[in-house]
Amino acid sequence: INPFIALARELIARGHGATLLTNPYFEPTIRAAGVGFEPLGEAM
């Protein structure tokens, strides 16, 4: 998951929109990084 957070942050830094669709377990970390989040299934 962390590599995709890093990619999303670079996209946002360049002025693009970036959202990460993944396990809700990682939602707090994704949102704390300033990245858009979409849940995939239940938190595991």
Full PDB file with SEQRES, HELIX, SHEET, SSBOND, CRYST1, ORIGX, SCALE, CONECT and MASTER records, all heavy atoms in Angstrom:
SEQRES   1 A   44  ILE ASN PRO PHE ILE ALA LEU ALA ARG GLU LEU ILE ALA          
SEQRES   2 A   44  ARG GLY HIS GLY ALA THR LEU LEU THR ASN PRO TYR PHE          
SEQRES   3 A   44  GLU PRO THR ILE ARG ALA ALA GLY VAL GLY PHE GLU PRO          
SEQRES   4 A   44  LEU GLY GLU ALA MET                                          
HELIX    1 AA1 ASN A    2  ALA A   13  1                                  12    
HELIX    2 AA2 PRO A   24  PHE A   26  5                                   3    
HELIX    3 AA3 GLU A   27  ALA A   32  1                                   6    
SHEET    1 AA1 2 THR A  19  THR A  22  0                                        
SHEET    2 AA1 2 GLY A  36  PRO A  39  1                                        
CRYST1    1.000    1.000    1.000  90.00  90.00  90.00 P 1           1          
ORIGX1      1.000000  0.000000  0.000000        0.00000                         
ORIGX2      0.000000  1.000000  0.000000        0.00000                         
ORIGX3      0.000000  0.000000  1.000000        0.00000                         
SCALE1      1.000000  0.000000  0.000000        0.00000                         
SCALE2      0.000000  1.000000  0.000000        0.00000                         
SCALE3      0.000000  0.000000  1.000000        0.00000                         
ATOM      1  N   ILE A   1       0.818  -1.209   0.000  1.00  0.00           N  
ATOM      2  CA  ILE A   1       0.000   0.000   0.000  1.00  0.00           C  
ATOM      3  C   ILE A   1       0.854   1.263   0.000  1.00  0.00           C  
ATOM      4  O   ILE A   1       0.567   2.236  -0.719  1.00  0.00           O  
ATOM      5  CB  ILE A   1      -0.940   0.010   1.218  1.00  0.00           C  
ATOM      6  CG1 ILE A   1      -1.757  -1.295   1.289  1.00  0.00           C  
ATOM      7  CG2 ILE A   1      -1.860   1.226   1.174  1.00  0.00           C  
ATOM      8  CD1 ILE A   1      -2.577  -1.587   0.057  1.00  0.00           C  
ATOM      9  N   ASN A   2       1.925   1.293   0.798  1.00  0.00           N  
ATOM     10  CA  ASN A   2       2.738   2.512   0.906  1.00  0.00           C  
ATOM     11  C   ASN A   2       3.270   3.020  -0.430  1.00  0.00           C  
ATOM     12  O   ASN A   2       3.323   4.239  -0.649  1.00  0.00           O  
ATOM     13  CB  ASN A   2       3.895   2.280   1.888  1.00  0.00           C  
ATOM     14  CG  ASN A   2       3.433   2.308   3.330  1.00  0.00           C  
ATOM     15  OD1 ASN A   2       2.326   2.758   3.639  1.00  0.00           O  
ATOM     16  ND2 ASN A   2       4.269   1.832   4.236  1.00  0.00           N  
ATOM     17  N   PRO A   3       3.695   2.142  -1.365  1.00  0.00           N  
ATOM     18  CA  PRO A   3       4.153   2.668  -2.655  1.00  0.00           C  
ATOM     19  C   PRO A   3       3.088   3.462  -3.394  1.00  0.00           C  
ATOM     20  O   PRO A   3       3.392   4.452  -4.071  1.00  0.00           O  
ATOM     21  CB  PRO A   3       4.546   1.405  -3.430  1.00  0.00           C  
ATOM     22  CG  PRO A   3       4.912   0.417  -2.368  1.00  0.00           C  
ATOM     23  CD  PRO A   3       3.949   0.684  -1.254  1.00  0.00           C  
ATOM     24  N   PHE A   4       1.828   3.054  -3.251  1.00  0.00           N  
ATOM     25  CA  PHE A   4       0.748   3.755  -3.937  1.00  0.00           C  
ATOM     26  C   PHE A   4       0.417   5.073  -3.241  1.00  0.00           C  
ATOM     27  O   PHE A   4      -0.005   6.024  -3.892  1.00  0.00           O  
ATOM     28  CB  PHE A   4      -0.468   2.834  -4.052  1.00  0.00           C  
ATOM     29  CG  PHE A   4      -0.254   1.720  -5.030  1.00  0.00           C  
ATOM     30  CD1 PHE A   4       0.401   0.552  -4.644  1.00  0.00           C  
ATOM     31  CD2 PHE A   4      -0.648   1.838  -6.345  1.00  0.00           C  
ATOM     32  CE1 PHE A   4       0.639  -0.470  -5.551  1.00  0.00           C  
ATOM     33  CE2 PHE A   4      -0.426   0.827  -7.263  1.00  0.00           C  
ATOM     34  CZ  PHE A   4       0.229  -0.339  -6.868  1.00  0.00           C  
ATOM     35  N   ILE A   5       0.607   5.125  -1.926  1.00  0.00           N  
ATOM     36  CA  ILE A   5       0.479   6.414  -1.235  1.00  0.00           C  
ATOM     37  C   ILE A   5       1.553   7.369  -1.742  1.00  0.00           C  
ATOM     38  O   ILE A   5       1.286   8.552  -2.000  1.00  0.00           O  
ATOM     39  CB  ILE A   5       0.590   6.222   0.285  1.00  0.00           C  
ATOM     40  CG1 ILE A   5      -0.558   5.348   0.813  1.00  0.00           C  
ATOM     41  CG2 ILE A   5       0.590   7.575   1.001  1.00  0.00           C  
ATOM     42  CD1 ILE A   5      -0.466   5.039   2.298  1.00  0.00           C  
ATOM     43  N   ALA A   6       2.784   6.866  -1.893  1.00  0.00           N  
ATOM     44  CA  ALA A   6       3.872   7.710  -2.394  1.00  0.00           C  
ATOM     45  C   ALA A   6       3.569   8.222  -3.798  1.00  0.00           C  
ATOM     46  O   ALA A   6       3.794   9.401  -4.108  1.00  0.00           O  
ATOM     47  CB  ALA A   6       5.183   6.933  -2.376  1.00  0.00           C  
ATOM     48  N   LEU A   7       3.059   7.358  -4.671  1.00  0.00           N  
ATOM     49  CA  LEU A   7       2.715   7.780  -6.028  1.00  0.00           C  
ATOM     50  C   LEU A   7       1.595   8.818  -6.007  1.00  0.00           C  
ATOM     51  O   LEU A   7       1.639   9.817  -6.737  1.00  0.00           O  
ATOM     52  CB  LEU A   7       2.283   6.561  -6.851  1.00  0.00           C  
ATOM     53  CG  LEU A   7       3.399   5.594  -7.255  1.00  0.00           C  
ATOM     54  CD1 LEU A   7       2.805   4.285  -7.761  1.00  0.00           C  
ATOM     55  CD2 LEU A   7       4.301   6.218  -8.320  1.00  0.00           C  
ATOM     56  N   ALA A   8       0.581   8.584  -5.163  1.00  0.00           N  
ATOM     57  CA  ALA A   8      -0.535   9.524  -5.069  1.00  0.00           C  
ATOM     58  C   ALA A   8      -0.061  10.885  -4.580  1.00  0.00           C  
ATOM     59  O   ALA A   8      -0.506  11.936  -5.083  1.00  0.00           O  
ATOM     60  CB  ALA A   8      -1.609   8.965  -4.142  1.00  0.00           C  
ATOM     61  N   ARG A   9       0.844  10.903  -3.616  1.00  0.00           N  
ATOM     62  CA  ARG A   9       1.351  12.177  -3.108  1.00  0.00           C  
ATOM     63  C   ARG A   9       2.113  12.943  -4.186  1.00  0.00           C  
ATOM     64  O   ARG A   9       2.004  14.172  -4.278  1.00  0.00           O  
ATOM     65  CB  ARG A   9       2.250  11.926  -1.898  1.00  0.00           C  
ATOM     66  CG  ARG A   9       1.515  11.416  -0.672  1.00  0.00           C  
ATOM     67  CD  ARG A   9       2.452  11.220   0.492  1.00  0.00           C  
ATOM     68  NE  ARG A   9       2.977  12.502   0.953  1.00  0.00           N  
ATOM     69  CZ  ARG A   9       3.995  12.620   1.797  1.00  0.00           C  
ATOM     70  NH1 ARG A   9       4.611  11.544   2.263  1.00  0.00           N  
ATOM     71  NH2 ARG A   9       4.415  13.811   2.176  1.00  0.00           N  
ATOM     72  N   GLU A  10       2.873  12.246  -5.015  1.00  0.00           N  
ATOM     73  CA  GLU A  10       3.583  12.911  -6.104  1.00  0.00           C  
ATOM     74  C   GLU A  10       2.596  13.462  -7.130  1.00  0.00           C  
ATOM     75  O   GLU A  10       2.775  14.586  -7.638  1.00  0.00           O  
ATOM     76  CB  GLU A  10       4.545  11.931  -6.781  1.00  0.00           C  
ATOM     77  CG  GLU A  10       5.276  12.475  -7.996  1.00  0.00           C  
ATOM     78  CD  GLU A  10       6.304  13.547  -7.675  1.00  0.00           C  
ATOM     79  OE1 GLU A  10       6.644  13.728  -6.489  1.00  0.00           O  
ATOM     80  OE2 GLU A  10       6.769  14.218  -8.625  1.00  0.00           O  
ATOM     81  N   LEU A  11       1.559  12.704  -7.433  1.00  0.00           N  
ATOM     82  CA  LEU A  11       0.541  13.184  -8.363  1.00  0.00           C  
ATOM     83  C   LEU A  11      -0.119  14.460  -7.831  1.00  0.00           C  
ATOM     84  O   LEU A  11      -0.295  15.438  -8.552  1.00  0.00           O  
ATOM     85  CB  LEU A  11      -0.521  12.103  -8.578  1.00  0.00           C  
ATOM     86  CG  LEU A  11      -0.108  10.932  -9.474  1.00  0.00           C  
ATOM     87  CD1 LEU A  11      -1.007   9.725  -9.239  1.00  0.00           C  
ATOM     88  CD2 LEU A  11      -0.155  11.344 -10.948  1.00  0.00           C  
ATOM     89  N   ILE A  12      -0.470  14.448  -6.543  1.00  0.00           N  
ATOM     90  CA  ILE A  12      -1.119  15.614  -5.933  1.00  0.00           C  
ATOM     91  C   ILE A  12      -0.172  16.811  -5.927  1.00  0.00           C  
ATOM     92  O   ILE A  12      -0.583  17.947  -6.187  1.00  0.00           O  
ATOM     93  CB  ILE A  12      -1.598  15.254  -4.512  1.00  0.00           C  
ATOM     94  CG1 ILE A  12      -2.749  14.242  -4.593  1.00  0.00           C  
ATOM     95  CG2 ILE A  12      -2.033  16.506  -3.744  1.00  0.00           C  
ATOM     96  CD1 ILE A  12      -3.101  13.588  -3.274  1.00  0.00           C  
ATOM     97  N   ALA A  13       1.117  16.556  -5.651  1.00  0.00           N  
ATOM     98  CA  ALA A  13       2.102  17.648  -5.648  1.00  0.00           C  
ATOM     99  C   ALA A  13       2.213  18.306  -7.019  1.00  0.00           C  
ATOM    100  O   ALA A  13       2.564  19.490  -7.116  1.00  0.00           O  
ATOM    101  CB  ALA A  13       3.461  17.118  -5.197  1.00  0.00           C  
ATOM    102  N   ARG A  14       1.906  17.558  -8.077  1.00  0.00           N  
ATOM    103  CA  ARG A  14       1.958  18.110  -9.434  1.00  0.00           C  
ATOM    104  C   ARG A  14       0.633  18.720  -9.870  1.00  0.00           C  
ATOM    105  O   ARG A  14       0.474  19.105 -11.028  1.00  0.00           O  
ATOM    106  CB  ARG A  14       2.392  17.031 -10.421  1.00  0.00           C  
ATOM    107  CG  ARG A  14       3.779  16.476 -10.187  1.00  0.00           C  
ATOM    108  CD  ARG A  14       4.221  15.623 -11.357  1.00  0.00           C  
ATOM    109  NE  ARG A  14       5.491  14.953 -11.094  1.00  0.00           N  
ATOM    110  CZ  ARG A  14       6.207  14.338 -12.041  1.00  0.00           C  
ATOM    111  NH1 ARG A  14       5.779  14.332 -13.301  1.00  0.00           N  
ATOM    112  NH2 ARG A  14       7.344  13.738 -11.733  1.00  0.00           N  
ATOM    113  N   GLY A  15      -0.343  18.756  -8.971  1.00  0.00           N  
ATOM    114  CA  GLY A  15      -1.618  19.374  -9.290  1.00  0.00           C  
ATOM    115  C   GLY A  15      -2.673  18.436  -9.825  1.00  0.00           C  
ATOM    116  O   GLY A  15      -3.734  18.886 -10.278  1.00  0.00           O  
ATOM    117  N   HIS A  16      -2.422  17.126  -9.792  1.00  0.00           N  
ATOM    118  CA  HIS A  16      -3.393  16.152 -10.271  1.00  0.00           C  
ATOM    119  C   HIS A  16      -4.280  15.669  -9.124  1.00  0.00           C  
ATOM    120  O   HIS A  16      -3.943  15.824  -7.946  1.00  0.00           O  
ATOM    121  CB  HIS A  16      -2.685  14.953 -10.903  1.00  0.00           C  
ATOM    122  CG  HIS A  16      -1.739  15.313 -12.002  1.00  0.00           C  
ATOM    123  ND1 HIS A  16      -2.140  15.999 -13.125  1.00  0.00           N  
ATOM    124  CD2 HIS A  16      -0.399  15.094 -12.147  1.00  0.00           C  
ATOM    125  CE1 HIS A  16      -1.100  16.178 -13.926  1.00  0.00           C  
ATOM    126  NE2 HIS A  16      -0.031  15.642 -13.352  1.00  0.00           N  
ATOM    127  N   GLY A  17      -5.387  15.045  -9.472  1.00  0.00           N  
ATOM    128  CA  GLY A  17      -6.227  14.393  -8.476  1.00  0.00           C  
ATOM    129  C   GLY A  17      -5.808  12.941  -8.330  1.00  0.00           C  
ATOM    130  O   GLY A  17      -5.508  12.268  -9.320  1.00  0.00           O  
ATOM    131  N   ALA A  18      -5.752  12.445  -7.096  1.00  0.00           N  
ATOM    132  CA  ALA A  18      -5.339  11.062  -6.855  1.00  0.00           C  
ATOM    133  C   ALA A  18      -6.167  10.470  -5.728  1.00  0.00           C  
ATOM    134  O   ALA A  18      -6.265  11.054  -4.643  1.00  0.00           O  
ATOM    135  CB  ALA A  18      -3.854  10.995  -6.504  1.00  0.00           C  
ATOM    136  N   THR A  19      -6.748   9.318  -5.987  1.00  0.00           N  
ATOM    137  CA  THR A  19      -7.551   8.596  -5.006  1.00  0.00           C  
ATOM    138  C   THR A  19      -7.068   7.158  -4.962  1.00  0.00           C  
ATOM    139  O   THR A  19      -6.755   6.566  -5.999  1.00  0.00           O  
ATOM    140  CB  THR A  19      -9.049   8.636  -5.392  1.00  0.00           C  
ATOM    141  OG1 THR A  19      -9.478   9.991  -5.436  1.00  0.00           O  
ATOM    142  CG2 THR A  19      -9.885   7.869  -4.386  1.00  0.00           C  
ATOM    143  N   LEU A  20      -7.004   6.587  -3.757  1.00  0.00           N  
ATOM    144  CA  LEU A  20      -6.547   5.212  -3.575  1.00  0.00           C  
ATOM    145  C   LEU A  20      -7.708   4.345  -3.104  1.00  0.00           C  
ATOM    146  O   LEU A  20      -8.320   4.609  -2.065  1.00  0.00           O  
ATOM    147  CB  LEU A  20      -5.396   5.177  -2.564  1.00  0.00           C  
ATOM    148  CG  LEU A  20      -4.748   3.829  -2.247  1.00  0.00           C  
ATOM    149  CD1 LEU A  20      -4.369   3.073  -3.513  1.00  0.00           C  
ATOM    150  CD2 LEU A  20      -3.517   4.032  -1.359  1.00  0.00           C  
ATOM    151  N   LEU A  21      -8.012   3.327  -3.880  1.00  0.00           N  
ATOM    152  CA  LEU A  21      -9.055   2.349  -3.577  1.00  0.00           C  
ATOM    153  C   LEU A  21      -8.400   1.133  -2.944  1.00  0.00           C  
ATOM    154  O   LEU A  21      -7.639   0.422  -3.607  1.00  0.00           O  
ATOM    155  CB  LEU A  21      -9.793   1.960  -4.866  1.00  0.00           C  
ATOM    156  CG  LEU A  21     -10.764   0.777  -4.806  1.00  0.00           C  
ATOM    157  CD1 LEU A  21     -11.977   1.111  -3.951  1.00  0.00           C  
ATOM    158  CD2 LEU A  21     -11.194   0.369  -6.213  1.00  0.00           C  
ATOM    159  N   THR A  22      -8.679   0.885  -1.669  1.00  0.00           N  
ATOM    160  CA  THR A  22      -8.002  -0.220  -0.994  1.00  0.00           C  
ATOM    161  C   THR A  22      -8.711  -0.594   0.301  1.00  0.00           C  
ATOM    162  O   THR A  22      -9.768  -0.042   0.649  1.00  0.00           O  
ATOM    163  CB  THR A  22      -6.525   0.136  -0.741  1.00  0.00           C  
ATOM    164  OG1 THR A  22      -5.808  -1.036  -0.374  1.00  0.00           O  
ATOM    165  CG2 THR A  22      -6.385   1.187   0.350  1.00  0.00           C  
ATOM    166  N   ASN A  23      -8.120  -1.515   1.017  1.00  0.00           N  
ATOM    167  CA  ASN A  23      -8.592  -2.016   2.300  1.00  0.00           C  
ATOM    168  C   ASN A  23      -8.807  -0.864   3.286  1.00  0.00           C  
ATOM    169  O   ASN A  23      -7.880  -0.097   3.553  1.00  0.00           O  
ATOM    170  CB  ASN A  23      -7.521  -2.994   2.812  1.00  0.00           C  
ATOM    171  CG  ASN A  23      -7.824  -3.592   4.164  1.00  0.00           C  
ATOM    172  OD1 ASN A  23      -8.815  -3.277   4.822  1.00  0.00           O  
ATOM    173  ND2 ASN A  23      -6.952  -4.476   4.611  1.00  0.00           N  
ATOM    174  N   PRO A  24     -10.007  -0.725   3.876  1.00  0.00           N  
ATOM    175  CA  PRO A  24     -10.260   0.374   4.820  1.00  0.00           C  
ATOM    176  C   PRO A  24      -9.344   0.378   6.041  1.00  0.00           C  
ATOM    177  O   PRO A  24      -9.272   1.396   6.737  1.00  0.00           O  
ATOM    178  CB  PRO A  24     -11.719   0.154   5.235  1.00  0.00           C  
ATOM    179  CG  PRO A  24     -12.334  -0.592   4.097  1.00  0.00           C  
ATOM    180  CD  PRO A  24     -11.233  -1.490   3.584  1.00  0.00           C  
ATOM    181  N   TYR A  25      -8.661  -0.714   6.313  1.00  0.00           N  
ATOM    182  CA  TYR A  25      -7.690  -0.739   7.405  1.00  0.00           C  
ATOM    183  C   TYR A  25      -6.669   0.387   7.248  1.00  0.00           C  
ATOM    184  O   TYR A  25      -6.184   0.944   8.247  1.00  0.00           O  
ATOM    185  CB  TYR A  25      -6.992  -2.101   7.411  1.00  0.00           C  
ATOM    186  CG  TYR A  25      -5.846  -2.242   8.391  1.00  0.00           C  
ATOM    187  CD1 TYR A  25      -6.073  -2.623   9.706  1.00  0.00           C  
ATOM    188  CD2 TYR A  25      -4.534  -2.007   7.981  1.00  0.00           C  
ATOM    189  CE1 TYR A  25      -5.020  -2.759  10.610  1.00  0.00           C  
ATOM    190  CE2 TYR A  25      -3.478  -2.141   8.874  1.00  0.00           C  
ATOM    191  CZ  TYR A  25      -3.726  -2.520  10.179  1.00  0.00           C  
ATOM    192  OH  TYR A  25      -2.672  -2.644  11.052  1.00  0.00           O  
ATOM    193  N   PHE A  26      -6.348   0.732   6.015  1.00  0.00           N  
ATOM    194  CA  PHE A  26      -5.314   1.736   5.752  1.00  0.00           C  
ATOM    195  C   PHE A  26      -5.887   3.150   5.600  1.00  0.00           C  
ATOM    196  O   PHE A  26      -5.130   4.083   5.315  1.00  0.00           O  
ATOM    197  CB  PHE A  26      -4.535   1.364   4.483  1.00  0.00           C  
ATOM    198  CG  PHE A  26      -3.752   0.092   4.618  1.00  0.00           C  
ATOM    199  CD1 PHE A  26      -4.240  -1.094   4.090  1.00  0.00           C  
ATOM    200  CD2 PHE A  26      -2.544   0.074   5.281  1.00  0.00           C  
ATOM    201  CE1 PHE A  26      -3.517  -2.276   4.218  1.00  0.00           C  
ATOM    202  CE2 PHE A  26      -1.815  -1.103   5.425  1.00  0.00           C  
ATOM    203  CZ  PHE A  26      -2.309  -2.285   4.896  1.00  0.00           C  
ATOM    204  N   GLU A  27      -7.177   3.318   5.783  1.00  0.00           N  
ATOM    205  CA  GLU A  27      -7.783   4.635   5.582  1.00  0.00           C  
ATOM    206  C   GLU A  27      -7.132   5.734   6.420  1.00  0.00           C  
ATOM    207  O   GLU A  27      -6.837   6.817   5.880  1.00  0.00           O  
ATOM    208  CB  GLU A  27      -9.287   4.591   5.859  1.00  0.00           C  
ATOM    209  CG  GLU A  27      -9.958   5.934   5.664  1.00  0.00           C  
ATOM    210  CD  GLU A  27     -11.457   5.913   5.890  1.00  0.00           C  
ATOM    211  OE1 GLU A  27     -11.997   4.828   6.223  1.00  0.00           O  
ATOM    212  OE2 GLU A  27     -12.096   6.969   5.743  1.00  0.00           O  
ATOM    213  N   PRO A  28      -6.889   5.542   7.731  1.00  0.00           N  
ATOM    214  CA  PRO A  28      -6.286   6.641   8.497  1.00  0.00           C  
ATOM    215  C   PRO A  28      -4.931   7.079   7.950  1.00  0.00           C  
ATOM    216  O   PRO A  28      -4.648   8.287   7.872  1.00  0.00           O  
ATOM    217  CB  PRO A  28      -6.151   6.042   9.911  1.00  0.00           C  
ATOM    218  CG  PRO A  28      -7.178   4.962   9.975  1.00  0.00           C  
ATOM    219  CD  PRO A  28      -7.232   4.392   8.596  1.00  0.00           C  
ATOM    220  N   THR A  29      -4.109   6.122   7.547  1.00  0.00           N  
ATOM    221  CA  THR A  29      -2.786   6.462   7.013  1.00  0.00           C  
ATOM    222  C   THR A  29      -2.897   7.163   5.669  1.00  0.00           C  
ATOM    223  O   THR A  29      -2.167   8.130   5.393  1.00  0.00           O  
ATOM    224  CB  THR A  29      -1.932   5.188   6.881  1.00  0.00           C  
ATOM    225  OG1 THR A  29      -1.716   4.641   8.184  1.00  0.00           O  
ATOM    226  CG2 THR A  29      -0.588   5.479   6.230  1.00  0.00           C  
ATOM    227  N   ILE A  30      -3.817   6.723   4.823  1.00  0.00           N  
ATOM    228  CA  ILE A  30      -3.997   7.339   3.503  1.00  0.00           C  
ATOM    229  C   ILE A  30      -4.499   8.768   3.640  1.00  0.00           C  
ATOM    230  O   ILE A  30      -3.978   9.698   3.019  1.00  0.00           O  
ATOM    231  CB  ILE A  30      -4.957   6.483   2.655  1.00  0.00           C  
ATOM    232  CG1 ILE A  30      -4.310   5.124   2.346  1.00  0.00           C  
ATOM    233  CG2 ILE A  30      -5.341   7.207   1.364  1.00  0.00           C  
ATOM    234  CD1 ILE A  30      -5.278   4.102   1.787  1.00  0.00           C  
ATOM    235  N   ARG A  31      -5.493   8.967   4.478  1.00  0.00           N  
ATOM    236  CA  ARG A  31      -6.037  10.315   4.653  1.00  0.00           C  
ATOM    237  C   ARG A  31      -5.026  11.235   5.329  1.00  0.00           C  
ATOM    238  O   ARG A  31      -4.940  12.433   4.997  1.00  0.00           O  
ATOM    239  CB  ARG A  31      -7.335  10.252   5.449  1.00  0.00           C  
ATOM    240  CG  ARG A  31      -8.484   9.582   4.695  1.00  0.00           C  
ATOM    241  CD  ARG A  31      -9.822   9.905   5.312  1.00  0.00           C  
ATOM    242  NE  ARG A  31     -10.914   9.234   4.646  1.00  0.00           N  
ATOM    243  CZ  ARG A  31     -11.504   9.656   3.518  1.00  0.00           C  
ATOM    244  NH1 ARG A  31     -11.053  10.755   2.926  1.00  0.00           N  
ATOM    245  NH2 ARG A  31     -12.509   8.983   2.994  1.00  0.00           N  
ATOM    246  N   ALA A  32      -4.237  10.695   6.283  1.00  0.00           N  
ATOM    247  CA  ALA A  32      -3.217  11.522   6.933  1.00  0.00           C  
ATOM    248  C   ALA A  32      -2.160  11.993   5.939  1.00  0.00           C  
ATOM    249  O   ALA A  32      -1.527  13.035   6.148  1.00  0.00           O  
ATOM    250  CB  ALA A  32      -2.557  10.738   8.069  1.00  0.00           C  
ATOM    251  N   ALA A  33      -1.978  11.234   4.856  1.00  0.00           N  
ATOM    252  CA  ALA A  33      -1.020  11.620   3.809  1.00  0.00           C  
ATOM    253  C   ALA A  33      -1.613  12.611   2.823  1.00  0.00           C  
ATOM    254  O   ALA A  33      -0.929  13.028   1.877  1.00  0.00           O  
ATOM    255  CB  ALA A  33      -0.536  10.375   3.068  1.00  0.00           C  
ATOM    256  N   GLY A  34      -2.886  12.990   3.012  1.00  0.00           N  
ATOM    257  CA  GLY A  34      -3.523  13.952   2.122  1.00  0.00           C  
ATOM    258  C   GLY A  34      -4.017  13.364   0.829  1.00  0.00           C  
ATOM    259  O   GLY A  34      -4.215  14.082  -0.148  1.00  0.00           O  
ATOM    260  N   VAL A  35      -4.244  12.035   0.820  1.00  0.00           N  
ATOM    261  CA  VAL A  35      -4.648  11.323  -0.391  1.00  0.00           C  
ATOM    262  C   VAL A  35      -6.128  10.954  -0.288  1.00  0.00           C  
ATOM    263  O   VAL A  35      -6.607  10.555   0.782  1.00  0.00           O  
ATOM    264  CB  VAL A  35      -3.788  10.053  -0.582  1.00  0.00           C  
ATOM    265  CG1 VAL A  35      -4.273   9.225  -1.769  1.00  0.00           C  
ATOM    266  CG2 VAL A  35      -2.319  10.438  -0.765  1.00  0.00           C  
ATOM    267  N   GLY A  36      -6.850  11.064  -1.403  1.00  0.00           N  
ATOM    268  CA  GLY A  36      -8.238  10.649  -1.429  1.00  0.00           C  
ATOM    269  C   GLY A  36      -8.368   9.150  -1.209  1.00  0.00           C  
ATOM    270  O   GLY A  36      -7.498   8.367  -1.618  1.00  0.00           O  
ATOM    271  N   PHE A  37      -9.468   8.739  -0.583  1.00  0.00           N  
ATOM    272  CA  PHE A  37      -9.629   7.328  -0.228  1.00  0.00           C  
ATOM    273  C   PHE A  37     -10.998   6.822  -0.664  1.00  0.00           C  
ATOM    274  O   PHE A  37     -12.010   7.512  -0.521  1.00  0.00           O  
ATOM    275  CB  PHE A  37      -9.493   7.143   1.285  1.00  0.00           C  
ATOM    276  CG  PHE A  37      -9.857   5.759   1.761  1.00  0.00           C  
ATOM    277  CD1 PHE A  37      -8.975   4.701   1.576  1.00  0.00           C  
ATOM    278  CD2 PHE A  37     -11.087   5.510   2.351  1.00  0.00           C  
ATOM    279  CE1 PHE A  37      -9.321   3.417   1.983  1.00  0.00           C  
ATOM    280  CE2 PHE A  37     -11.436   4.228   2.776  1.00  0.00           C  
ATOM    281  CZ  PHE A  37     -10.551   3.189   2.581  1.00  0.00           C  
ATOM    282  N   GLU A  38     -11.008   5.583  -1.178  1.00  0.00           N  
ATOM    283  CA  GLU A  38     -12.241   4.847  -1.458  1.00  0.00           C  
ATOM    284  C   GLU A  38     -12.102   3.462  -0.854  1.00  0.00           C  
ATOM    285  O   GLU A  38     -11.078   2.794  -1.042  1.00  0.00           O  
ATOM    286  CB  GLU A  38     -12.492   4.733  -2.958  1.00  0.00           C  
ATOM    287  CG  GLU A  38     -12.963   6.010  -3.623  1.00  0.00           C  
ATOM    288  CD  GLU A  38     -14.408   6.347  -3.301  1.00  0.00           C  
ATOM    289  OE1 GLU A  38     -15.121   5.483  -2.724  1.00  0.00           O  
ATOM    290  OE2 GLU A  38     -14.824   7.476  -3.635  1.00  0.00           O  
ATOM    291  N   PRO A  39     -13.114   2.995  -0.087  1.00  0.00           N  
ATOM    292  CA  PRO A  39     -13.005   1.691   0.578  1.00  0.00           C  
ATOM    293  C   PRO A  39     -13.201   0.524  -0.383  1.00  0.00           C  
ATOM    294  O   PRO A  39     -14.030   0.580  -1.284  1.00  0.00           O  
ATOM    295  CB  PRO A  39     -14.116   1.744   1.618  1.00  0.00           C  
ATOM    296  CG  PRO A  39     -15.138   2.672   1.030  1.00  0.00           C  
ATOM    297  CD  PRO A  39     -14.359   3.704   0.252  1.00  0.00           C  
ATOM    298  N   LEU A  40     -12.441  -0.526  -0.152  1.00  0.00           N  
ATOM    299  CA  LEU A  40     -12.562  -1.782  -0.895  1.00  0.00           C  
ATOM    300  C   LEU A  40     -12.852  -2.890   0.103  1.00  0.00           C  
ATOM    301  O   LEU A  40     -11.958  -3.325   0.845  1.00  0.00           O  
ATOM    302  CB  LEU A  40     -11.274  -2.070  -1.671  1.00  0.00           C  
ATOM    303  CG  LEU A  40     -11.238  -3.373  -2.470  1.00  0.00           C  
ATOM    304  CD1 LEU A  40     -12.291  -3.350  -3.574  1.00  0.00           C  
ATOM    305  CD2 LEU A  40      -9.851  -3.592  -3.078  1.00  0.00           C  
ATOM    306  N   GLY A  41     -14.082  -3.329   0.181  1.00  0.00           N  
ATOM    307  CA  GLY A  41     -14.461  -4.382   1.120  1.00  0.00           C  
ATOM    308  C   GLY A  41     -14.450  -3.904   2.558  1.00  0.00           C  
ATOM    309  O   GLY A  41     -14.482  -2.702   2.848  1.00  0.00           O  
ATOM    310  N   GLU A  42     -14.398  -4.870   3.470  1.00  0.00           N  
ATOM    311  CA  GLU A  42     -14.358  -4.569   4.893  1.00  0.00           C  
ATOM    312  C   GLU A  42     -12.916  -4.462   5.364  1.00  0.00           C  
ATOM    313  O   GLU A  42     -12.005  -5.038   4.763  1.00  0.00           O  
ATOM    314  CB  GLU A  42     -15.076  -5.666   5.681  1.00  0.00           C  
ATOM    315  CG  GLU A  42     -16.555  -5.798   5.342  1.00  0.00           C  
ATOM    316  CD  GLU A  42     -17.229  -6.877   6.159  1.00  0.00           C  
ATOM    317  OE1 GLU A  42     -16.520  -7.558   6.953  1.00  0.00           O  
ATOM    318  OE2 GLU A  42     -18.449  -7.055   6.020  1.00  0.00           O  
ATOM    319  N   ALA A  43     -12.714  -3.717   6.445  1.00  0.00           N  
ATOM    320  CA  ALA A  43     -11.364  -3.547   6.987  1.00  0.00           C  
ATOM    321  C   ALA A  43     -10.803  -4.881   7.446  1.00  0.00           C  
ATOM    322  O   ALA A  43     -11.453  -5.625   8.200  1.00  0.00           O  
ATOM    323  CB  ALA A  43     -11.386  -2.559   8.147  1.00  0.00           C  
ATOM    324  N   MET A  44      -9.594  -5.202   6.987  1.00  0.00           N  
ATOM    325  CA  MET A  44      -8.900  -6.431   7.390  1.00  0.00           C  
ATOM    326  C   MET A  44      -7.477  -6.080   7.785  1.00  0.00           C  
ATOM    327  O   MET A  44      -6.737  -5.505   6.982  1.00  0.00           O  
ATOM    328  CB  MET A  44      -8.865  -7.454   6.248  1.00  0.00           C  
ATOM    329  CG  MET A  44     -10.194  -8.025   5.856  1.00  0.00           C  
ATOM    330  SD  MET A  44      -9.993  -9.398   4.682  1.00  0.00           S  
ATOM    331  CE  MET A  44      -9.196  -8.568   3.308  1.00  0.00           C  
TER     332      MET A  44                                                      
MASTER        0    0    0    3    2    0    0    6  331    1    0    4          
END                                                                             
